PDB file of N, CA and C in Angstrom:
ATOM      1  N   MET A   1     -18.965  15.224   1.672  1.00  0.00           N
ATOM      2  CA  MET A   1     -18.107  16.390   1.676  1.00  0.00           C
ATOM      3  C   MET A   1     -17.286  16.393   0.376  1.00  0.00           C
ATOM      4  N   THR A   2     -17.164  17.543  -0.243  1.00  0.00           N
ATOM      5  CA  THR A   2     -16.434  17.639  -1.506  1.00  0.00           C
ATOM      6  C   THR A   2     -14.927  17.744  -1.275  1.00  0.00           C
ATOM      7  N   ASP A   3     -14.166  17.499  -2.354  1.00  0.00           N
ATOM      8  CA  ASP A   3     -12.712  17.641  -2.276  1.00  0.00           C
ATOM      9  C   ASP A   3     -12.318  19.042  -1.816  1.00  0.00           C
ATOM     10  N   ILE A   4     -12.999  20.046  -2.309  1.00  0.00           N
ATOM     11  CA  ILE A   4     -12.675  21.440  -1.952  1.00  0.00           C
ATOM     12  C   ILE A   4     -12.928  21.688  -0.466  1.00  0.00           C
ATOM     13  N   GLU A   5     -14.022  21.161   0.052  1.00  0.00           N
ATOM     14  CA  GLU A   5     -14.323  21.330   1.474  1.00  0.00           C
ATOM     15  C   GLU A   5     -13.281  20.615   2.343  1.00  0.00           C
ATOM     16  N   ILE A   6     -12.875  19.432   1.915  1.00  0.00           N
ATOM     17  CA  ILE A   6     -11.848  18.698   2.657  1.00  0.00           C
ATOM     18  C   ILE A   6     -10.528  19.456   2.610  1.00  0.00           C
ATOM     19  N   LYS A   7     -10.139  19.952   1.424  1.00  0.00           N
ATOM     20  CA  LYS A   7      -8.905  20.740   1.291  1.00  0.00           C
ATOM     21  C   LYS A   7      -8.938  21.952   2.204  1.00  0.00           C
ATOM     22  N   ASP A   8     -10.071  22.642   2.229  1.00  0.00           N
ATOM     23  CA  ASP A   8     -10.200  23.833   3.076  1.00  0.00           C
ATOM     24  C   ASP A   8     -10.025  23.484   4.551  1.00  0.00           C
ATOM     25  N   GLN A   9     -10.611  22.377   4.981  1.00  0.00           N
ATOM     26  CA  GLN A   9     -10.479  21.949   6.376  1.00  0.00           C
ATOM     27  C   GLN A   9      -9.008  21.704   6.720  1.00  0.00           C
ATOM     28  N   PHE A  10      -8.307  20.959   5.851  1.00  0.00           N
ATOM     29  CA  PHE A  10      -6.899  20.651   6.097  1.00  0.00           C
ATOM     30  C   PHE A  10      -6.041  21.907   6.010  1.00  0.00           C
ATOM     31  N   ASN A  11      -6.304  22.749   5.039  1.00  0.00           N
ATOM     32  CA  ASN A  11      -5.530  23.981   4.880  1.00  0.00           C
ATOM     33  C   ASN A  11      -5.630  24.823   6.145  1.00  0.00           C
ATOM     34  N   ARG A  12      -6.834  25.000   6.641  1.00  0.00           N
ATOM     35  CA  ARG A  12      -7.059  25.787   7.855  1.00  0.00           C
ATOM     36  C   ARG A  12      -6.323  25.163   9.048  1.00  0.00           C
ATOM     37  N   PHE A  13      -6.450  23.845   9.190  1.00  0.00           N
ATOM     38  CA  PHE A  13      -5.789  23.150  10.296  1.00  0.00           C
ATOM     39  C   PHE A  13      -4.270  23.315  10.228  1.00  0.00           C
ATOM     40  N   LEU A  14      -3.691  23.093   9.059  1.00  0.00           N
ATOM     41  CA  LEU A  14      -2.234  23.178   8.918  1.00  0.00           C
ATOM     42  C   LEU A  14      -1.725  24.590   9.189  1.00  0.00           C
ATOM     43  N   VAL A  15      -2.387  25.581   8.638  1.00  0.00           N
ATOM     44  CA  VAL A  15      -1.960  26.972   8.842  1.00  0.00           C
ATOM     45  C   VAL A  15      -2.122  27.386  10.304  1.00  0.00           C
ATOM     46  N   ASP A  16      -3.193  26.939  10.933  1.00  0.00           N
ATOM     47  CA  ASP A  16      -3.436  27.301  12.337  1.00  0.00           C
ATOM     48  C   ASP A  16      -2.501  26.596  13.316  1.00  0.00           C
ATOM     49  N   ASN A  17      -2.005  25.410  12.944  1.00  0.00           N
ATOM     50  CA  ASN A  17      -1.270  24.595  13.904  1.00  0.00           C
ATOM     51  C   ASN A  17       0.212  24.391  13.624  1.00  0.00           C
ATOM     52  N   PHE A  18       0.657  24.698  12.416  1.00  0.00           N
ATOM     53  CA  PHE A  18       2.058  24.478  12.067  1.00  0.00           C
ATOM     54  C   PHE A  18       2.648  25.749  11.467  1.00  0.00           C
ATOM     55  N   MET A  19       3.611  26.322  12.168  1.00  0.00           N
ATOM     56  CA  MET A  19       4.199  27.611  11.814  1.00  0.00           C
ATOM     57  C   MET A  19       4.677  27.665  10.361  1.00  0.00           C
ATOM     58  N   LEU A  20       5.387  26.649   9.899  1.00  0.00           N
ATOM     59  CA  LEU A  20       5.920  26.670   8.539  1.00  0.00           C
ATOM     60  C   LEU A  20       4.833  26.605   7.472  1.00  0.00           C
ATOM     61  N   ALA A  21       3.664  26.118   7.817  1.00  0.00           N
ATOM     62  CA  ALA A  21       2.562  26.048   6.853  1.00  0.00           C
ATOM     63  C   ALA A  21       2.094  27.434   6.437  1.00  0.00           C
ATOM     64  N   ARG A  22       2.399  28.432   7.249  1.00  0.00           N
ATOM     65  CA  ARG A  22       1.990  29.800   6.934  1.00  0.00           C
ATOM     66  C   ARG A  22       2.843  30.420   5.845  1.00  0.00           C
ATOM     67  N   SER A  23       4.041  29.885   5.634  1.00  0.00           N
ATOM     68  CA  SER A  23       4.975  30.530   4.704  1.00  0.00           C
ATOM     69  C   SER A  23       5.204  29.740   3.415  1.00  0.00           C
ATOM     70  N   VAL A  24       4.474  28.654   3.207  1.00  0.00           N
ATOM     71  CA  VAL A  24       4.625  27.868   1.983  1.00  0.00           C
ATOM     72  C   VAL A  24       3.268  27.655   1.332  1.00  0.00           C
ATOM     73  N   ASP A  25       3.307  27.292   0.059  1.00  0.00           N
ATOM     74  CA  ASP A  25       2.085  26.961  -0.659  1.00  0.00           C
ATOM     75  C   ASP A  25       1.761  25.500  -0.360  1.00  0.00           C
ATOM     76  N   ILE A  26       0.843  25.282   0.538  1.00  0.00           N
ATOM     77  CA  ILE A  26       0.515  23.933   0.984  1.00  0.00           C
ATOM     78  C   ILE A  26       0.006  23.079  -0.175  1.00  0.00           C
ATOM     79  N   VAL A  27      -0.767  23.677  -1.058  1.00  0.00           N
ATOM     80  CA  VAL A  27      -1.323  22.931  -2.185  1.00  0.00           C
ATOM     81  C   VAL A  27      -0.221  22.391  -3.087  1.00  0.00           C
ATOM     82  N   ALA A  28       0.824  23.173  -3.290  1.00  0.00           N
ATOM     83  CA  ALA A  28       1.905  22.782  -4.203  1.00  0.00           C
ATOM     84  C   ALA A  28       3.011  21.969  -3.530  1.00  0.00           C
ATOM     85  N   THR A  29       2.972  21.836  -2.224  1.00  0.00           N
ATOM     86  CA  THR A  29       4.024  21.121  -1.501  1.00  0.00           C
ATOM     87  C   THR A  29       3.847  19.616  -1.678  1.00  0.00           C
ATOM     88  N   PRO A  30       4.837  18.950  -2.285  1.00  0.00           N
ATOM     89  CA  PRO A  30       4.708  17.515  -2.537  1.00  0.00           C
ATOM     90  C   PRO A  30       4.899  16.645  -1.287  1.00  0.00           C
ATOM     91  N   SER A  31       5.558  17.188  -0.256  1.00  0.00           N
ATOM     92  CA  SER A  31       5.792  16.411   0.960  1.00  0.00           C
ATOM     93  C   SER A  31       5.869  17.343   2.160  1.00  0.00           C
ATOM     94  N   PHE A  32       4.923  17.201   3.068  1.00  0.00           N
ATOM     95  CA  PHE A  32       4.939  18.009   4.290  1.00  0.00           C
ATOM     96  C   PHE A  32       6.173  17.712   5.135  1.00  0.00           C
ATOM     97  N   LEU A  33       6.559  16.444   5.192  1.00  0.00           N
ATOM     98  CA  LEU A  33       7.726  16.064   5.991  1.00  0.00           C
ATOM     99  C   LEU A  33       9.007  16.646   5.410  1.00  0.00           C
ATOM    100  N   GLU A  34       9.204  16.497   4.103  1.00  0.00           N
ATOM    101  CA  GLU A  34      10.414  17.023   3.469  1.00  0.00           C
ATOM    102  C   GLU A  34      10.483  18.551   3.527  1.00  0.00           C
ATOM    103  N   ALA A  35       9.338  19.211   3.466  1.00  0.00           N
ATOM    104  CA  ALA A  35       9.300  20.668   3.529  1.00  0.00           C
ATOM    105  C   ALA A  35       9.445  21.174   4.965  1.00  0.00           C
ATOM    106  N   GLY A  36       9.414  20.265   5.931  1.00  0.00           N
ATOM    107  CA  GLY A  36       9.560  20.654   7.327  1.00  0.00           C
ATOM    108  C   GLY A  36       8.294  21.226   7.940  1.00  0.00           C
ATOM    109  N   ILE A  37       7.178  21.047   7.273  1.00  0.00           N
ATOM    110  CA  ILE A  37       5.916  21.572   7.789  1.00  0.00           C
ATOM    111  C   ILE A  37       5.468  20.792   9.009  1.00  0.00           C
ATOM    112  N   ILE A  38       5.554  19.461   8.931  1.00  0.00           N
ATOM    113  CA  ILE A  38       5.211  18.625  10.074  1.00  0.00           C
ATOM    114  C   ILE A  38       6.341  17.643  10.351  1.00  0.00           C
ATOM    115  N   ASP A  39       6.367  17.164  11.589  1.00  0.00           N
ATOM    116  CA  ASP A  39       7.330  16.132  11.988  1.00  0.00           C
ATOM    117  C   ASP A  39       6.524  14.944  12.523  1.00  0.00           C
ATOM    118  N   SER A  40       7.176  14.021  13.172  1.00  0.00           N
ATOM    119  CA  SER A  40       6.472  12.825  13.644  1.00  0.00           C
ATOM    120  C   SER A  40       5.363  13.168  14.644  1.00  0.00           C
ATOM    121  N   THR A  41       5.596  14.147  15.486  1.00  0.00           N
ATOM    122  CA  THR A  41       4.560  14.586  16.420  1.00  0.00           C
ATOM    123  C   THR A  41       3.413  15.248  15.662  1.00  0.00           C
ATOM    124  N   GLY A  42       3.760  15.997  14.639  1.00  0.00           N
ATOM    125  CA  GLY A  42       2.755  16.635  13.796  1.00  0.00           C
ATOM    126  C   GLY A  42       1.867  15.630  13.092  1.00  0.00           C
ATOM    127  N   VAL A  43       2.444  14.503  12.707  1.00  0.00           N
ATOM    128  CA  VAL A  43       1.653  13.441  12.077  1.00  0.00           C
ATOM    129  C   VAL A  43       0.586  12.954  13.047  1.00  0.00           C
ATOM    130  N   LEU A  44       0.956  12.806  14.298  1.00  0.00           N
ATOM    131  CA  LEU A  44      -0.019  12.359  15.302  1.00  0.00           C
ATOM    132  C   LEU A  44      -1.125  13.394  15.488  1.00  0.00           C
ATOM    133  N   GLU A  45      -0.763  14.670  15.478  1.00  0.00           N
ATOM    134  CA  GLU A  45      -1.765  15.734  15.562  1.00  0.00           C
ATOM    135  C   GLU A  45      -2.692  15.694  14.351  1.00  0.00           C
ATOM    136  N   LEU A  46      -2.119  15.460  13.193  1.00  0.00           N
ATOM    137  CA  LEU A  46      -2.884  15.380  11.955  1.00  0.00           C
ATOM    138  C   LEU A  46      -3.860  14.201  11.999  1.00  0.00           C
ATOM    139  N   VAL A  47      -3.419  13.080  12.490  1.00  0.00           N
ATOM    140  CA  VAL A  47      -4.284  11.901  12.625  1.00  0.00           C
ATOM    141  C   VAL A  47      -5.435  12.194  13.585  1.00  0.00           C
ATOM    142  N   GLN A  48      -5.130  12.835  14.690  1.00  0.00           N
ATOM    143  CA  GLN A  48      -6.180  13.200  15.643  1.00  0.00           C
ATOM    144  C   GLN A  48      -7.201  14.135  14.991  1.00  0.00           C
ATOM    145  N   PHE A  49      -6.703  15.093  14.211  1.00  0.00           N
ATOM    146  CA  PHE A  49      -7.591  16.013  13.497  1.00  0.00           C
ATOM    147  C   PHE A  49      -8.501  15.252  12.535  1.00  0.00           C
ATOM    148  N   ILE A  50      -7.940  14.323  11.786  1.00  0.00           N
ATOM    149  CA  ILE A  50      -8.731  13.525  10.841  1.00  0.00           C
ATOM    150  C   ILE A  50      -9.818  12.755  11.579  1.00  0.00           C
ATOM    151  N   GLU A  51      -9.440  12.115  12.661  1.00  0.00           N
ATOM    152  CA  GLU A  51     -10.405  11.307  13.415  1.00  0.00           C
ATOM    153  C   GLU A  51     -11.521  12.159  13.996  1.00  0.00           C
ATOM    154  N   GLU A  52     -11.195  13.315  14.517  1.00  0.00           N
ATOM    155  CA  GLU A  52     -12.204  14.178  15.135  1.00  0.00           C
ATOM    156  C   GLU A  52     -13.049  14.921  14.102  1.00  0.00           C
ATOM    157  N   THR A  53     -12.418  15.427  13.060  1.00  0.00           N
ATOM    158  CA  THR A  53     -13.122  16.261  12.079  1.00  0.00           C
ATOM    159  C   THR A  53     -13.985  15.450  11.132  1.00  0.00           C
ATOM    160  N   PHE A  54     -13.474  14.317  10.700  1.00  0.00           N
ATOM    161  CA  PHE A  54     -14.170  13.526   9.692  1.00  0.00           C
ATOM    162  C   PHE A  54     -14.803  12.258  10.267  1.00  0.00           C
ATOM    163  N   ALA A  55     -14.728  12.085  11.589  1.00  0.00           N
ATOM    164  CA  ALA A  55     -15.313  10.922  12.278  1.00  0.00           C
ATOM    165  C   ALA A  55     -14.825   9.610  11.657  1.00  0.00           C
ATOM    166  N   LEU A  56     -13.518   9.538  11.447  1.00  0.00           N
ATOM    167  CA  LEU A  56     -12.891   8.356  10.870  1.00  0.00           C
ATOM    168  C   LEU A  56     -11.881   7.787  11.853  1.00  0.00           C
ATOM    169  N   SER A  57     -11.617   6.521  11.741  1.00  0.00           N
ATOM    170  CA  SER A  57     -10.581   5.885  12.531  1.00  0.00           C
ATOM    171  C   SER A  57      -9.387   5.612  11.622  1.00  0.00           C
ATOM    172  N   VAL A  58      -8.224   6.089  12.026  1.00  0.00           N
ATOM    173  CA  VAL A  58      -6.997   5.873  11.259  1.00  0.00           C
ATOM    174  C   VAL A  58      -6.207   4.768  11.937  1.00  0.00           C
ATOM    175  N   LYS A  59      -6.018   3.673  11.215  1.00  0.00           N
ATOM    176  CA  LYS A  59      -5.270   2.532  11.754  1.00  0.00           C
ATOM    177  C   LYS A  59      -3.777   2.816  11.679  1.00  0.00           C
ATOM    178  N   ASP A  60      -3.023   2.146  12.536  1.00  0.00           N
ATOM    179  CA  ASP A  60      -1.567   2.323  12.552  1.00  0.00           C
ATOM    180  C   ASP A  60      -0.958   2.102  11.176  1.00  0.00           C
ATOM    181  N   GLU A  61      -1.398   1.078  10.475  1.00  0.00           N
ATOM    182  CA  GLU A  61      -0.824   0.774   9.167  1.00  0.00           C
ATOM    183  C   GLU A  61      -1.204   1.802   8.091  1.00  0.00           C
ATOM    184  N   GLU A  62      -2.161   2.668   8.390  1.00  0.00           N
ATOM    185  CA  GLU A  62      -2.548   3.725   7.450  1.00  0.00           C
ATOM    186  C   GLU A  62      -1.735   5.008   7.653  1.00  0.00           C
ATOM    187  N   MET A  63      -0.976   5.062   8.733  1.00  0.00           N
ATOM    188  CA  MET A  63      -0.163   6.247   9.031  1.00  0.00           C
ATOM    189  C   MET A  63       1.145   6.195   8.248  1.00  0.00           C
ATOM    190  N   MET A  64       1.028   6.481   6.946  1.00  0.00           N
ATOM    191  CA  MET A  64       2.195   6.471   6.074  1.00  0.00           C
ATOM    192  C   MET A  64       2.115   7.636   5.107  1.00  0.00           C
ATOM    193  N   PRO A  65       3.253   8.013   4.530  1.00  0.00           N
ATOM    194  CA  PRO A  65       3.278   9.168   3.636  1.00  0.00           C
ATOM    195  C   PRO A  65       2.268   9.095   2.494  1.00  0.00           C
ATOM    196  N   ASP A  66       2.020   7.903   1.958  1.00  0.00           N
ATOM    197  CA  ASP A  66       1.054   7.788   0.864  1.00  0.00           C
ATOM    198  C   ASP A  66      -0.323   8.314   1.246  1.00  0.00           C
ATOM    199  N   ASN A  67      -0.609   8.363   2.523  1.00  0.00           N
ATOM    200  CA  ASN A  67      -1.911   8.843   2.992  1.00  0.00           C
ATOM    201  C   ASN A  67      -1.869  10.243   3.604  1.00  0.00           C
ATOM    202  N   LEU A  68      -0.742  10.625   4.192  1.00  0.00           N
ATOM    203  CA  LEU A  68      -0.739  11.812   5.050  1.00  0.00           C
ATOM    204  C   LEU A  68       0.275  12.895   4.699  1.00  0.00           C
ATOM    205  N   ASP A  69       1.097  12.715   3.678  1.00  0.00           N
ATOM    206  CA  ASP A  69       2.245  13.602   3.484  1.00  0.00           C
ATOM    207  C   ASP A  69       2.040  14.759   2.521  1.00  0.00           C
ATOM    208  N   SER A  70       0.844  14.916   1.986  1.00  0.00           N
ATOM    209  CA  SER A  70       0.559  16.067   1.123  1.00  0.00           C
ATOM    210  C   SER A  70      -0.936  16.332   1.158  1.00  0.00           C
ATOM    211  N   LEU A  71      -1.316  17.487   0.691  1.00  0.00           N
ATOM    212  CA  LEU A  71      -2.732  17.829   0.687  1.00  0.00           C
ATOM    213  C   LEU A  71      -3.511  16.884  -0.220  1.00  0.00           C
ATOM    214  N   ALA A  72      -2.960  16.578  -1.386  1.00  0.00           N
ATOM    215  CA  ALA A  72      -3.635  15.656  -2.308  1.00  0.00           C
ATOM    216  C   ALA A  72      -3.799  14.275  -1.671  1.00  0.00           C
ATOM    217  N   ASN A  73      -2.755  13.798  -0.985  1.00  0.00           N
ATOM    218  CA  ASN A  73      -2.830  12.494  -0.319  1.00  0.00           C
ATOM    219  C   ASN A  73      -3.884  12.499   0.785  1.00  0.00           C
ATOM    220  N   LEU A  74      -3.951  13.582   1.548  1.00  0.00           N
ATOM    221  CA  LEU A  74      -4.926  13.686   2.628  1.00  0.00           C
ATOM    222  C   LEU A  74      -6.354  13.654   2.093  1.00  0.00           C
ATOM    223  N   VAL A  75      -6.604  14.410   1.038  1.00  0.00           N
ATOM    224  CA  VAL A  75      -7.953  14.458   0.458  1.00  0.00           C
ATOM    225  C   VAL A  75      -8.345  13.074  -0.060  1.00  0.00           C
ATOM    226  N   ARG A  76      -7.439  12.444  -0.791  1.00  0.00           N
ATOM    227  CA  ARG A  76      -7.711  11.106  -1.328  1.00  0.00           C
ATOM    228  C   ARG A  76      -7.970  10.117  -0.188  1.00  0.00           C
ATOM    229  N   PHE A  77      -7.153  10.189   0.857  1.00  0.00           N
ATOM    230  CA  PHE A  77      -7.301   9.289   2.000  1.00  0.00           C
ATOM    231  C   PHE A  77      -8.667   9.463   2.660  1.00  0.00           C
ATOM    232  N   VAL A  78      -9.057  10.692   2.927  1.00  0.00           N
ATOM    233  CA  VAL A  78     -10.362  10.946   3.576  1.00  0.00           C
ATOM    234  C   VAL A  78     -11.498  10.500   2.672  1.00  0.00           C
ATOM    235  N   GLN A  79     -11.413  10.786   1.387  1.00  0.00           N
ATOM    236  CA  GLN A  79     -12.476  10.373   0.461  1.00  0.00           C
ATOM    237  C   GLN A  79     -12.585   8.839   0.420  1.00  0.00           C
ATOM    238  N   THR A  80     -11.453   8.165   0.387  1.00  0.00           N
ATOM    239  CA  THR A  80     -11.455   6.705   0.363  1.00  0.00           C
ATOM    240  C   THR A  80     -12.035   6.132   1.647  1.00  0.00           C
ATOM    241  N   LYS A  81     -11.602   6.658   2.785  1.00  0.00           N
ATOM    242  CA  LYS A  81     -12.099   6.183   4.077  1.00  0.00           C
ATOM    243  C   LYS A  81     -13.597   6.471   4.228  1.00  0.00           C
ATOM    244  N   THR A  82     -14.025   7.625   3.784  1.00  0.00           N
ATOM    245  CA  THR A  82     -15.433   8.000   3.886  1.00  0.00           C
ATOM    246  C   THR A  82     -16.298   7.067   3.032  1.00  0.00           C
ATOM    247  N   ALA A  83     -15.802   6.696   1.878  1.00  0.00           N
ATOM    248  CA  ALA A  83     -16.550   5.795   0.993  1.00  0.00           C
ATOM    249  C   ALA A  83     -16.697   4.401   1.594  1.00  0.00           C
ATOM    250  N   GLN A  84     -15.765   4.024   2.465  1.00  0.00           N
ATOM    251  CA  GLN A  84     -15.798   2.698   3.092  1.00  0.00           C
ATOM    252  C   GLN A  84     -16.775   2.613   4.256  1.00  0.00           C
ATOM    253  N   VAL A  85     -17.160   3.768   4.785  1.00  0.00           N
ATOM    254  CA  VAL A  85     -18.038   3.783   5.969  1.00  0.00           C
ATOM    255  C   VAL A  85     -19.471   3.519   5.576  1.00  0.00           C
TER     256      VAL A  85
END
Protein backbone atom coordinates (compact mmCIF):
# COMPACT_ATOMS: atom_id res chain seq x y z
CA MET A 1 0.00 0.00 0.00
CA THR A 2 1.36 3.44 -0.90
CA ASP A 3 1.73 6.42 1.42
CA ILE A 4 -1.11 8.17 -0.42
CA GLU A 5 -3.44 5.19 0.01
CA ILE A 6 -2.61 4.98 3.71
CA LYS A 7 -3.17 8.76 4.13
CA ASP A 8 -6.53 8.47 2.37
CA GLN A 9 -7.61 5.62 4.66
CA PHE A 10 -6.70 7.61 7.79
CA ASN A 11 -8.17 10.85 6.46
CA ARG A 12 -11.49 9.14 5.75
CA PHE A 13 -11.51 7.44 9.16
CA LEU A 14 -10.71 10.64 11.07
CA VAL A 15 -13.28 12.75 9.22
CA ASP A 16 -15.96 10.08 9.57
CA ASN A 17 -15.35 9.42 13.27
CA PHE A 18 -14.10 12.63 14.89
CA MET A 19 -16.18 15.80 14.65
CA LEU A 20 -13.25 18.23 14.90
CA ALA A 21 -11.43 16.47 12.06
CA ARG A 22 -14.04 17.90 9.70
CA SER A 23 -13.07 21.49 10.45
CA VAL A 24 -9.25 21.34 10.38
CA ASP A 25 -6.59 20.50 7.84
CA ILE A 26 -5.62 17.05 9.06
CA VAL A 27 -2.54 16.92 6.84
CA ALA A 28 -1.14 20.13 8.32
CA THR A 29 -2.06 19.37 11.94
CA PRO A 30 1.13 18.59 13.88
CA SER A 31 -0.70 16.98 16.82
CA PHE A 32 -4.17 15.45 16.87
CA LEU A 33 -4.21 15.54 20.67
CA GLU A 34 -3.17 19.19 20.95
CA ALA A 35 -5.66 20.20 18.24
CA GLY A 36 -8.42 18.40 20.15
CA ILE A 37 -9.20 16.08 17.26
CA ILE A 38 -8.80 12.94 19.35
CA ASP A 39 -8.58 12.18 23.06
CA SER A 40 -7.47 9.08 24.94
CA THR A 41 -10.59 7.18 23.89
CA GLY A 42 -10.01 8.31 20.32
CA VAL A 43 -6.51 6.85 20.45
CA LEU A 44 -8.02 3.47 21.28
CA GLU A 45 -10.44 3.81 18.35
CA LEU A 46 -7.52 4.73 16.11
CA VAL A 47 -5.55 1.68 17.25
CA GLN A 48 -8.54 -0.56 16.56
CA PHE A 49 -8.84 0.97 13.09
CA ILE A 50 -5.15 0.32 12.39
CA GLU A 51 -5.41 -3.28 13.53
CA GLU A 52 -8.53 -4.00 11.49
CA THR A 53 -7.70 -2.01 8.35
CA PHE A 54 -4.04 -2.86 7.97
CA ALA A 55 -4.07 -6.29 9.69
CA LEU A 56 -1.41 -5.15 12.15
CA SER A 57 -1.03 -5.64 15.87
CA VAL A 58 -0.28 -2.50 17.88
CA LYS A 59 1.57 -3.22 21.11
CA ASP A 60 0.95 -1.17 24.24
CA GLU A 61 4.43 0.34 24.06
CA GLU A 62 3.73 1.50 20.49
CA MET A 63 0.73 3.59 21.58
CA MET A 64 2.60 6.88 21.81
CA PRO A 65 2.46 10.24 20.06
CA ASP A 66 5.53 9.45 17.94
CA ASN A 67 3.41 6.81 16.22
CA LEU A 68 -0.18 8.03 16.42
CA ASP A 69 -0.42 11.81 16.90
CA SER A 70 -0.32 13.09 13.32
CA LEU A 71 -1.05 11.91 9.83
CA ALA A 72 2.66 11.76 8.98
CA ASN A 73 3.35 9.71 12.13
CA LEU A 74 0.50 7.31 11.32
CA VAL A 75 1.70 6.72 7.76
CA ARG A 76 5.28 6.15 8.90
CA PHE A 77 4.10 3.80 11.66
CA VAL A 78 1.97 1.68 9.30
CA GLN A 79 4.73 1.55 6.68
CA THR A 80 7.27 0.48 9.31
CA LYS A 81 4.97 -2.15 10.80
CA THR A 82 4.03 -3.47 7.36
CA ALA A 83 7.69 -3.84 6.42
CA GLN A 84 8.26 -5.94 9.55
CA VAL A 85 5.54 -8.46 8.67
